[in-house]
Amino acid sequence: MSETALQKAILAALALDVDVMALRINSGRILLQGRAIQLAPAGTSDILGLVTHRRAVVALGIIDEVVGFGVFFALEVKVPGSRTKPERAAKQAAFREDVRRLGGFAAEVDSVEAALDAIKRAKRGESS
C-alpha cells in the first residue's frame, strides 16, 4: 500500500468518529504554472486535527458533570519498511515534539489500526 492510500484509509476511518476532525496536510513547495507555492512548513505531519477529550468534574466525591474540550493532534503516516531521509525525519520529529510541548498529541503511525490506537490515547489526554 502506498503512503497516499494509507493516508486516505486513515482519514476514512477517522471520519467515522464524531469526536474527531482530521485533515490531510501537504508540506513543502510545489510549482504551479511556473510559480513556486509554499505549502505547510517542511516537517509538518501528514494528518492534523482535533479530538474531543472528555474529563469528569468531581464535586463532593461524585461526578458533577463531564466536560469535553478539543485537543490538537498530529499524525505522521509511514508505510511499513519505508525510509525517510535523515534531514526530513529530523524536521518531522521536531514538529511532533513542538506539538507535544504545546499541549497537543503527536504520533507516527504505520497502519489504520495504529492511527485509531493513537486517537484513543489522544482522547485519554496522553501526549504520544
Protein backbone atom coordinates (compact mmCIF):
# COMPACT_ATOMS: atom_id res chain seq x y z
CA MET A 1 0.00 0.00 0.00
CA SER A 2 1.31 3.46 -0.87
CA GLU A 3 1.58 6.23 1.71
CA THR A 4 -1.20 8.15 -0.07
CA ALA A 5 -3.52 5.12 0.05
CA LEU A 6 -2.71 4.60 3.74
CA GLN A 7 -3.42 8.28 4.49
CA LYS A 8 -6.79 8.02 2.71
CA ALA A 9 -7.68 4.84 4.63
CA ILE A 10 -6.78 6.51 7.94
CA LEU A 11 -8.82 9.61 7.09
CA ALA A 12 -11.80 7.42 6.14
CA ALA A 13 -11.58 5.56 9.46
CA LEU A 14 -11.26 8.79 11.46
CA ALA A 15 -14.28 10.27 9.63
CA LEU A 16 -16.46 7.62 11.30
CA ASP A 17 -15.70 9.05 14.77
CA VAL A 18 -17.90 12.04 15.67
CA ASP A 19 -15.30 13.16 18.21
CA VAL A 20 -12.59 13.61 15.54
CA MET A 21 -11.98 16.22 12.86
CA ALA A 22 -9.00 15.36 10.65
CA LEU A 23 -7.38 16.99 7.62
CA ARG A 24 -4.66 15.90 5.20
CA ILE A 25 -1.86 18.48 5.08
CA ASN A 26 0.73 18.85 2.31
CA SER A 27 4.07 20.39 3.18
CA GLY A 28 7.00 21.80 1.25
CA ARG A 29 6.82 23.65 -2.09
CA ILE A 30 5.23 22.93 -5.44
CA LEU A 31 5.47 24.58 -8.83
CA LEU A 32 2.12 25.68 -10.20
CA GLN A 33 2.02 27.35 -13.60
CA GLY A 34 5.68 28.25 -13.26
CA ARG A 35 5.29 29.78 -9.79
CA ALA A 36 6.58 28.32 -6.53
CA ILE A 37 3.79 27.84 -3.99
CA GLN A 38 4.73 27.38 -0.33
CA LEU A 39 2.61 24.77 1.42
CA ALA A 40 2.84 23.93 5.13
CA PRO A 41 6.38 24.12 6.55
CA ALA A 42 8.67 21.14 5.96
CA GLY A 43 8.22 18.56 8.72
CA THR A 44 4.52 19.24 9.27
CA SER A 45 2.71 15.95 9.94
CA ASP A 46 0.54 14.38 7.24
CA ILE A 47 -2.73 14.46 9.19
CA LEU A 48 -3.71 17.22 11.60
CA GLY A 49 -6.91 17.65 13.54
CA LEU A 50 -8.88 17.93 16.74
CA VAL A 51 -10.16 15.21 19.02
CA THR A 52 -12.55 15.62 21.95
CA HIS A 53 -11.05 14.80 25.31
CA ARG A 54 -13.71 14.33 27.98
CA ARG A 55 -12.97 14.83 31.65
CA ALA A 56 -15.25 14.25 34.61
CA VAL A 57 -15.61 17.14 37.05
CA VAL A 58 -15.93 15.75 40.57
CA ALA A 59 -17.58 17.74 43.35
CA LEU A 60 -18.01 16.35 46.87
CA GLY A 61 -16.85 12.92 45.77
CA ILE A 62 -19.39 12.46 42.96
CA ILE A 63 -19.26 13.24 39.26
CA ASP A 64 -20.89 16.62 38.85
CA GLU A 65 -20.55 16.86 35.08
CA VAL A 66 -18.48 15.66 32.15
CA VAL A 67 -16.82 18.38 30.11
CA GLY A 68 -15.20 17.98 26.72
CA PHE A 69 -12.56 20.08 25.04
CA GLY A 70 -10.61 19.82 21.82
CA VAL A 71 -7.07 18.52 21.73
CA PHE A 72 -4.90 19.20 18.67
CA PHE A 73 -3.31 16.10 17.17
CA ALA A 74 -0.69 15.40 14.51
CA LEU A 75 -0.18 12.02 12.84
CA GLU A 76 2.88 11.32 10.70
CA VAL A 77 1.99 8.46 8.35
CA LYS A 78 4.70 5.98 7.32
CA VAL A 79 4.36 2.89 5.16
CA PRO A 80 5.95 -0.10 6.95
CA GLY A 81 9.51 -0.58 5.71
CA SER A 82 9.78 2.85 4.09
CA ARG A 83 12.80 5.08 4.65
CA THR A 84 12.84 8.82 5.28
CA LYS A 85 15.92 10.94 4.63
CA PRO A 86 17.57 11.90 7.94
CA GLU A 87 17.10 15.67 7.44
CA ARG A 88 13.40 15.23 6.71
CA ALA A 89 12.94 12.77 9.60
CA ALA A 90 14.56 15.29 11.98
CA LYS A 91 12.15 18.04 10.85
CA GLN A 92 9.19 15.70 11.27
CA ALA A 93 10.33 14.67 14.76
CA ALA A 94 10.85 18.33 15.72
CA PHE A 95 7.31 19.18 14.57
CA ARG A 96 5.84 16.37 16.67
CA GLU A 97 7.89 17.46 19.68
CA ASP A 98 6.62 21.05 19.29
CA VAL A 99 3.03 19.76 19.20
CA ARG A 100 3.60 17.83 22.45
CA ARG A 101 5.39 20.75 24.11
CA LEU A 102 2.42 22.99 23.37
CA GLY A 103 -0.10 20.53 24.85
CA GLY A 104 -1.15 18.54 21.78
CA PHE A 105 -0.87 14.90 20.84
CA ALA A 106 1.57 13.62 18.20
CA ALA A 107 2.47 10.16 16.90
CA GLU A 108 3.98 8.32 13.97
CA VAL A 109 1.63 5.63 12.62
CA ASP A 110 2.04 2.88 10.03
CA SER A 111 -1.49 1.43 9.77
CA VAL A 112 -5.14 2.31 10.22
CA GLU A 113 -5.12 0.33 13.47
CA ALA A 114 -2.10 2.28 14.78
CA ALA A 115 -3.83 5.56 13.90
CA LEU A 116 -7.04 4.56 15.70
CA ASP A 117 -5.00 3.48 18.74
CA ALA A 118 -3.18 6.83 18.69
CA ILE A 119 -6.51 8.69 18.65
CA LYS A 120 -7.71 6.63 21.64
CA ARG A 121 -4.59 7.79 23.52
CA ALA A 122 -5.27 11.41 22.50
CA LYS A 123 -8.83 11.08 23.83
CA ARG A 124 -7.39 9.95 27.18
CA GLY A 125 -5.23 13.07 27.31
CA GLU A 126 -1.89 11.44 26.56
CA SER A 127 0.70 13.35 24.52
CA SER A 128 2.03 10.50 22.34
